[in-house]
């Protein structure tokens, strides 16, 4: 489970970066819009089924990495972020981007930096998610 502070942070942000892997093993990372239901992330957008990320998942390469990050301050330097390792699967739903196909991301492990402790040098907080 994500902490209350992590959930608040996730819901306060608009963009994430998702990495998938193609058939040759080449990682591909792109910025994405998302929504979050407290457990899973839903990646949507225009023409999603035609994107590399969607095709990579559809081809059975379902492991993903997702990063949500921002800068609290540049002086002092204070980045914060949440990194998620998990799996993705196509689902049809009516979400933030309207009705259509989405990628449901189920977290397996996550790490957060400076979310519960907003200092640039805080140790990352690791969480193992039960997931389905």
N, C-alpha and C. Protein backbone atom coordinates (compact mmCIF):
# COMPACT_ATOMS: atom_id res chain seq x y z
N UNK A 1 0.83 -1.19 0.00
CA UNK A 1 0.00 0.00 0.00
C UNK A 1 0.88 1.25 0.00
N UNK A 2 0.39 2.25 -0.68
CA UNK A 2 1.05 3.55 -0.64
C UNK A 2 0.64 4.28 0.63
N UNK A 3 1.52 5.11 1.18
CA UNK A 3 1.19 5.90 2.35
C UNK A 3 0.21 7.01 1.95
N UNK A 4 -0.41 7.62 2.94
CA UNK A 4 -1.31 8.74 2.66
C UNK A 4 -0.58 9.86 1.95
N UNK A 5 0.65 10.16 2.38
CA UNK A 5 1.44 11.22 1.73
C UNK A 5 1.79 10.85 0.29
N UNK A 6 2.12 9.58 0.06
CA UNK A 6 2.43 9.14 -1.31
C UNK A 6 1.20 9.25 -2.21
N UNK A 7 0.04 8.84 -1.69
CA UNK A 7 -1.20 8.94 -2.47
C UNK A 7 -1.51 10.40 -2.79
N UNK A 8 -1.37 11.27 -1.81
CA UNK A 8 -1.62 12.70 -2.04
C UNK A 8 -0.66 13.24 -3.10
N UNK A 9 0.60 12.84 -3.03
CA UNK A 9 1.58 13.29 -4.02
C UNK A 9 1.22 12.76 -5.42
N UNK A 10 0.93 11.48 -5.53
CA UNK A 10 0.57 10.88 -6.82
C UNK A 10 -0.62 11.62 -7.42
N UNK A 11 -1.61 11.91 -6.62
CA UNK A 11 -2.82 12.58 -7.12
C UNK A 11 -2.59 14.05 -7.43
N UNK A 12 -1.53 14.64 -6.89
CA UNK A 12 -1.24 16.06 -7.14
C UNK A 12 -0.50 16.27 -8.46
N UNK A 13 0.03 15.24 -9.03
CA UNK A 13 0.82 15.36 -10.25
C UNK A 13 0.00 15.02 -11.49
N UNK A 14 0.41 15.51 -12.64
CA UNK A 14 -0.31 15.27 -13.89
C UNK A 14 0.42 14.33 -14.85
N UNK A 15 1.74 14.31 -14.78
CA UNK A 15 2.53 13.51 -15.71
C UNK A 15 3.41 12.51 -15.00
N UNK A 16 3.62 11.40 -15.68
CA UNK A 16 4.57 10.38 -15.24
C UNK A 16 5.39 9.99 -16.45
N UNK A 17 6.38 9.15 -16.24
CA UNK A 17 7.15 8.56 -17.33
C UNK A 17 7.03 7.05 -17.19
N UNK A 18 6.68 6.39 -18.30
CA UNK A 18 6.57 4.94 -18.28
C UNK A 18 7.61 4.35 -19.22
N UNK A 19 8.25 3.29 -18.76
CA UNK A 19 9.20 2.57 -19.59
C UNK A 19 8.66 1.17 -19.86
N UNK A 20 8.69 0.80 -21.14
CA UNK A 20 8.35 -0.55 -21.58
C UNK A 20 9.55 -1.06 -22.37
N UNK A 21 9.49 -2.32 -22.80
CA UNK A 21 10.62 -2.92 -23.53
C UNK A 21 10.11 -3.52 -24.83
N UNK A 22 10.84 -3.27 -25.94
CA UNK A 22 10.41 -3.84 -27.22
C UNK A 22 10.97 -5.25 -27.41
N UNK A 23 10.68 -5.85 -28.54
CA UNK A 23 11.08 -7.24 -28.82
C UNK A 23 12.59 -7.44 -28.82
N UNK A 24 13.35 -6.39 -29.14
CA UNK A 24 14.81 -6.48 -29.15
C UNK A 24 15.43 -6.19 -27.79
N UNK A 25 14.59 -5.93 -26.78
CA UNK A 25 15.09 -5.63 -25.44
C UNK A 25 15.40 -4.16 -25.23
N UNK A 26 15.07 -3.33 -26.21
CA UNK A 26 15.33 -1.89 -26.10
C UNK A 26 14.29 -1.22 -25.21
N UNK A 27 14.71 -0.62 -24.10
CA UNK A 27 13.75 0.13 -23.27
C UNK A 27 13.24 1.35 -24.03
N UNK A 28 11.99 1.69 -23.81
CA UNK A 28 11.38 2.87 -24.41
C UNK A 28 10.66 3.61 -23.30
N UNK A 29 11.02 4.86 -23.07
CA UNK A 29 10.41 5.64 -22.00
C UNK A 29 9.73 6.86 -22.61
N UNK A 30 8.51 7.14 -22.15
CA UNK A 30 7.74 8.27 -22.66
C UNK A 30 6.94 8.91 -21.53
N UNK A 31 6.70 10.23 -21.63
CA UNK A 31 5.82 10.86 -20.66
C UNK A 31 4.37 10.48 -20.94
N UNK A 32 3.60 10.32 -19.88
CA UNK A 32 2.20 9.92 -20.01
C UNK A 32 1.33 10.63 -18.99
N UNK A 33 0.07 10.81 -19.35
CA UNK A 33 -0.93 11.22 -18.39
C UNK A 33 -1.48 9.97 -17.72
N UNK A 34 -1.96 10.12 -16.51
CA UNK A 34 -2.43 8.95 -15.77
C UNK A 34 -3.52 9.35 -14.79
N UNK A 35 -4.20 8.35 -14.31
CA UNK A 35 -5.05 8.51 -13.14
C UNK A 35 -4.72 7.38 -12.18
N UNK A 36 -5.15 7.53 -10.94
CA UNK A 36 -4.75 6.61 -9.88
C UNK A 36 -5.95 6.34 -9.00
N UNK A 37 -6.24 5.06 -8.74
CA UNK A 37 -7.42 4.71 -7.94
C UNK A 37 -7.08 4.37 -6.49
N UNK A 38 -5.85 4.65 -6.09
CA UNK A 38 -5.41 4.32 -4.74
C UNK A 38 -4.58 3.05 -4.69
N UNK A 39 -4.69 2.25 -5.74
CA UNK A 39 -3.92 1.00 -5.85
C UNK A 39 -3.22 0.91 -7.20
N UNK A 40 -3.98 1.07 -8.28
CA UNK A 40 -3.45 0.92 -9.65
C UNK A 40 -3.42 2.26 -10.37
N UNK A 41 -2.54 2.32 -11.36
CA UNK A 41 -2.44 3.48 -12.25
C UNK A 41 -3.11 3.12 -13.57
N UNK A 42 -3.68 4.10 -14.22
CA UNK A 42 -4.32 3.90 -15.52
C UNK A 42 -3.72 4.91 -16.49
N UNK A 43 -3.04 4.41 -17.50
CA UNK A 43 -2.38 5.23 -18.51
C UNK A 43 -3.31 5.31 -19.71
N UNK A 44 -3.62 6.51 -20.14
CA UNK A 44 -4.51 6.69 -21.28
C UNK A 44 -3.93 7.67 -22.27
N UNK A 45 -4.74 8.07 -23.19
CA UNK A 45 -4.33 9.08 -24.16
C UNK A 45 -4.91 8.82 -25.52
N UNK A 46 -4.75 9.78 -26.39
CA UNK A 46 -5.25 9.67 -27.75
C UNK A 46 -4.46 8.61 -28.51
N UNK A 47 -5.16 7.78 -29.22
CA UNK A 47 -4.55 6.78 -30.10
C UNK A 47 -3.66 5.80 -29.34
N UNK A 48 -3.94 5.54 -28.07
CA UNK A 48 -3.12 4.66 -27.24
C UNK A 48 -2.81 3.32 -27.91
N UNK A 49 -3.80 2.63 -28.52
CA UNK A 49 -3.49 1.32 -29.12
C UNK A 49 -2.45 1.37 -30.25
N UNK A 50 -2.15 2.55 -30.77
CA UNK A 50 -1.16 2.66 -31.84
C UNK A 50 0.23 3.01 -31.33
N UNK A 51 0.39 3.15 -30.01
CA UNK A 51 1.67 3.56 -29.46
C UNK A 51 2.59 2.37 -29.20
N UNK A 52 3.88 2.64 -29.12
CA UNK A 52 4.87 1.59 -28.82
C UNK A 52 4.59 0.95 -27.47
N UNK A 53 4.30 1.78 -26.47
CA UNK A 53 4.08 1.23 -25.12
C UNK A 53 2.94 0.23 -25.13
N UNK A 54 1.85 0.57 -25.80
CA UNK A 54 0.69 -0.33 -25.85
C UNK A 54 1.05 -1.61 -26.60
N UNK A 55 1.73 -1.47 -27.74
CA UNK A 55 2.12 -2.64 -28.53
C UNK A 55 3.09 -3.54 -27.77
N UNK A 56 4.01 -2.94 -27.02
CA UNK A 56 4.94 -3.73 -26.20
C UNK A 56 4.19 -4.56 -25.16
N UNK A 57 3.22 -3.96 -24.50
CA UNK A 57 2.43 -4.66 -23.50
C UNK A 57 1.58 -5.75 -24.16
N UNK A 58 0.92 -5.40 -25.25
CA UNK A 58 0.06 -6.34 -25.96
C UNK A 58 0.85 -7.56 -26.44
N UNK A 59 2.14 -7.38 -26.74
CA UNK A 59 2.99 -8.47 -27.20
C UNK A 59 3.48 -9.36 -26.06
N UNK A 60 3.04 -9.06 -24.83
CA UNK A 60 3.39 -9.91 -23.70
C UNK A 60 4.56 -9.44 -22.87
N UNK A 61 5.15 -8.31 -23.24
CA UNK A 61 6.25 -7.75 -22.45
C UNK A 61 5.61 -6.76 -21.46
N UNK A 62 5.08 -7.33 -20.38
CA UNK A 62 4.21 -6.57 -19.49
C UNK A 62 4.91 -5.88 -18.32
N UNK A 63 6.21 -6.14 -18.13
CA UNK A 63 6.92 -5.46 -17.04
C UNK A 63 7.16 -4.01 -17.43
N UNK A 64 6.90 -3.11 -16.47
CA UNK A 64 7.07 -1.68 -16.70
C UNK A 64 7.80 -1.04 -15.53
N UNK A 65 8.29 0.15 -15.78
CA UNK A 65 8.76 1.05 -14.72
C UNK A 65 8.02 2.36 -14.92
N UNK A 66 7.59 2.96 -13.84
CA UNK A 66 6.85 4.22 -13.89
C UNK A 66 7.50 5.17 -12.89
N UNK A 67 7.71 6.42 -13.30
CA UNK A 67 8.29 7.43 -12.41
C UNK A 67 7.42 8.67 -12.42
N UNK A 68 7.11 9.15 -11.23
CA UNK A 68 6.44 10.43 -11.04
C UNK A 68 7.41 11.28 -10.24
N UNK A 69 7.74 12.48 -10.73
CA UNK A 69 8.73 13.29 -10.02
C UNK A 69 8.49 14.77 -10.25
N UNK A 70 9.08 15.56 -9.38
CA UNK A 70 9.09 17.01 -9.54
C UNK A 70 10.19 17.58 -8.65
N UNK A 71 10.34 18.90 -8.71
CA UNK A 71 11.30 19.61 -7.86
C UNK A 71 10.53 20.49 -6.89
N UNK A 72 10.73 20.27 -5.61
CA UNK A 72 10.13 21.13 -4.60
C UNK A 72 10.82 22.49 -4.64
N UNK A 73 12.14 22.45 -4.81
CA UNK A 73 12.94 23.67 -4.82
C UNK A 73 14.25 23.41 -5.56
N UNK A 74 14.81 24.46 -6.14
CA UNK A 74 16.15 24.33 -6.72
C UNK A 74 17.21 24.91 -5.78
N UNK A 75 16.77 25.66 -4.75
CA UNK A 75 17.71 26.23 -3.79
C UNK A 75 17.06 26.23 -2.41
N UNK A 76 17.25 25.19 -1.61
CA UNK A 76 18.16 24.08 -1.84
C UNK A 76 17.55 23.06 -2.82
N UNK A 77 18.42 22.33 -3.47
CA UNK A 77 18.00 21.31 -4.44
C UNK A 77 17.17 20.26 -3.70
N UNK A 78 15.89 20.14 -4.07
CA UNK A 78 14.99 19.24 -3.36
C UNK A 78 14.08 18.50 -4.34
N UNK A 79 14.60 17.44 -4.97
CA UNK A 79 13.72 16.63 -5.82
C UNK A 79 12.91 15.67 -4.96
N UNK A 80 11.79 15.24 -5.49
CA UNK A 80 11.01 14.18 -4.84
C UNK A 80 10.42 13.31 -5.95
N UNK A 81 10.18 12.05 -5.62
CA UNK A 81 9.68 11.16 -6.67
C UNK A 81 9.15 9.86 -6.09
N UNK A 82 8.41 9.18 -6.95
CA UNK A 82 7.97 7.81 -6.69
C UNK A 82 8.30 7.01 -7.93
N UNK A 83 8.99 5.89 -7.72
CA UNK A 83 9.30 4.96 -8.81
C UNK A 83 8.54 3.67 -8.54
N UNK A 84 7.92 3.14 -9.57
CA UNK A 84 7.13 1.92 -9.46
C UNK A 84 7.63 0.89 -10.46
N UNK A 85 7.85 -0.32 -9.99
CA UNK A 85 8.04 -1.47 -10.88
C UNK A 85 6.76 -2.28 -10.78
N UNK A 86 6.27 -2.69 -11.93
CA UNK A 86 5.04 -3.46 -11.92
C UNK A 86 4.75 -4.09 -13.26
N UNK A 87 3.49 -4.42 -13.46
CA UNK A 87 3.05 -5.00 -14.73
C UNK A 87 1.90 -4.16 -15.26
N UNK A 88 1.73 -4.24 -16.59
CA UNK A 88 0.65 -3.50 -17.24
C UNK A 88 -0.17 -4.44 -18.10
N UNK A 89 -1.45 -4.11 -18.21
CA UNK A 89 -2.33 -4.88 -19.08
C UNK A 89 -3.35 -3.93 -19.69
N UNK A 90 -3.76 -4.20 -20.93
CA UNK A 90 -4.78 -3.35 -21.56
C UNK A 90 -6.15 -3.59 -20.91
N UNK A 91 -6.88 -2.51 -20.68
CA UNK A 91 -8.25 -2.59 -20.19
C UNK A 91 -9.07 -1.53 -20.92
N UNK A 92 -10.34 -1.82 -21.07
CA UNK A 92 -11.25 -0.84 -21.65
C UNK A 92 -12.02 -0.19 -20.52
N UNK A 93 -12.08 1.14 -20.53
CA UNK A 93 -12.77 1.86 -19.46
C UNK A 93 -13.10 3.27 -19.90
N UNK A 94 -13.86 3.95 -19.10
CA UNK A 94 -14.15 5.36 -19.31
C UNK A 94 -13.41 6.11 -18.22
N UNK A 95 -12.27 6.69 -18.58
CA UNK A 95 -11.43 7.34 -17.59
C UNK A 95 -11.19 8.81 -17.90
N UNK A 96 -10.14 9.32 -17.36
CA UNK A 96 -9.77 10.73 -17.49
C UNK A 96 -9.71 11.19 -18.94
N UNK A 97 -9.33 10.30 -19.84
CA UNK A 97 -9.19 10.65 -21.25
C UNK A 97 -10.39 10.21 -22.07
N UNK A 98 -11.50 9.91 -21.40
CA UNK A 98 -12.70 9.48 -22.09
C UNK A 98 -12.76 7.98 -22.21
N UNK A 99 -13.76 7.47 -22.92
CA UNK A 99 -13.89 6.01 -23.08
C UNK A 99 -12.85 5.48 -24.06
N UNK A 100 -12.37 4.27 -23.79
CA UNK A 100 -11.40 3.65 -24.69
C UNK A 100 -10.47 2.72 -23.97
N UNK A 101 -9.36 2.41 -24.63
CA UNK A 101 -8.35 1.51 -24.07
C UNK A 101 -7.40 2.29 -23.17
N UNK A 102 -7.03 1.64 -22.08
CA UNK A 102 -6.07 2.17 -21.12
C UNK A 102 -5.10 1.05 -20.78
N UNK A 103 -3.97 1.42 -20.20
CA UNK A 103 -3.07 0.42 -19.61
C UNK A 103 -3.24 0.50 -18.10
N UNK A 104 -3.64 -0.61 -17.48
CA UNK A 104 -3.73 -0.67 -16.02
C UNK A 104 -2.38 -1.16 -15.51
N UNK A 105 -1.75 -0.35 -14.70
CA UNK A 105 -0.45 -0.67 -14.11
C UNK A 105 -0.69 -1.14 -12.69
N UNK A 106 -0.27 -2.37 -12.40
CA UNK A 106 -0.36 -2.94 -11.07
C UNK A 106 1.02 -2.89 -10.43
N UNK A 107 1.20 -2.08 -9.39
CA UNK A 107 2.50 -1.97 -8.73
C UNK A 107 2.90 -3.28 -8.04
N UNK A 108 4.18 -3.63 -8.16
CA UNK A 108 4.75 -4.76 -7.43
C UNK A 108 5.68 -4.25 -6.33
N UNK A 109 6.53 -3.26 -6.68
CA UNK A 109 7.45 -2.63 -5.73
C UNK A 109 7.48 -1.14 -6.04
N UNK A 110 7.57 -0.32 -5.01
CA UNK A 110 7.73 1.12 -5.24
C UNK A 110 8.76 1.68 -4.27
N UNK A 111 9.35 2.79 -4.68
CA UNK A 111 10.29 3.53 -3.86
C UNK A 111 9.87 4.99 -3.91
N UNK A 112 9.89 5.66 -2.79
CA UNK A 112 9.60 7.09 -2.78
C UNK A 112 10.75 7.84 -2.13
N UNK A 113 11.01 9.01 -2.67
CA UNK A 113 12.05 9.90 -2.16
C UNK A 113 11.42 11.22 -1.78
N UNK A 114 11.70 11.65 -0.56
CA UNK A 114 11.31 12.98 -0.07
C UNK A 114 9.80 13.22 -0.14
N UNK A 115 9.02 12.17 0.02
CA UNK A 115 7.56 12.32 0.04
C UNK A 115 7.09 12.43 1.50
N UNK A 116 7.47 11.47 2.32
CA UNK A 116 7.11 11.54 3.74
C UNK A 116 8.09 12.42 4.53
N UNK A 117 9.29 12.59 3.98
CA UNK A 117 10.33 13.41 4.61
C UNK A 117 10.92 14.29 3.51
N UNK A 118 10.48 15.54 3.43
CA UNK A 118 10.86 16.38 2.29
C UNK A 118 12.26 16.96 2.43
N UNK A 119 13.25 16.10 2.45
CA UNK A 119 14.62 16.55 2.36
C UNK A 119 15.27 15.85 1.18
N UNK A 120 16.15 16.54 0.53
CA UNK A 120 16.77 16.02 -0.70
C UNK A 120 17.56 14.75 -0.45
N UNK A 121 18.02 14.55 0.77
CA UNK A 121 18.91 13.42 1.03
C UNK A 121 18.26 12.35 1.89
N UNK A 122 16.94 12.36 1.91
CA UNK A 122 16.22 11.32 2.66
C UNK A 122 16.45 9.97 2.00
N UNK A 123 16.51 8.92 2.81
CA UNK A 123 16.63 7.57 2.26
C UNK A 123 15.33 7.20 1.55
N UNK A 124 15.44 6.48 0.44
CA UNK A 124 14.21 6.05 -0.23
C UNK A 124 13.40 5.10 0.63
N UNK A 125 12.10 5.21 0.54
CA UNK A 125 11.18 4.33 1.25
C UNK A 125 10.73 3.25 0.28
N UNK A 126 11.07 2.00 0.53
CA UNK A 126 10.69 0.89 -0.34
C UNK A 126 9.43 0.22 0.19
N UNK A 127 8.51 -0.08 -0.74
CA UNK A 127 7.28 -0.78 -0.40
C UNK A 127 7.07 -1.93 -1.36
N UNK A 128 6.78 -3.12 -0.84
CA UNK A 128 6.41 -4.25 -1.67
C UNK A 128 4.89 -4.32 -1.65
N UNK A 129 4.28 -4.26 -2.84
CA UNK A 129 2.82 -4.26 -2.98
C UNK A 129 2.35 -5.67 -3.21
N UNK A 130 1.22 -6.02 -2.64
CA UNK A 130 0.71 -7.38 -2.83
C UNK A 130 0.25 -7.59 -4.26
N UNK A 131 -0.45 -6.60 -4.85
CA UNK A 131 -0.88 -6.69 -6.24
C UNK A 131 -1.58 -7.98 -6.56
N UNK A 132 -2.23 -8.01 -7.71
CA UNK A 132 -2.92 -9.22 -8.16
C UNK A 132 -2.19 -9.83 -9.31
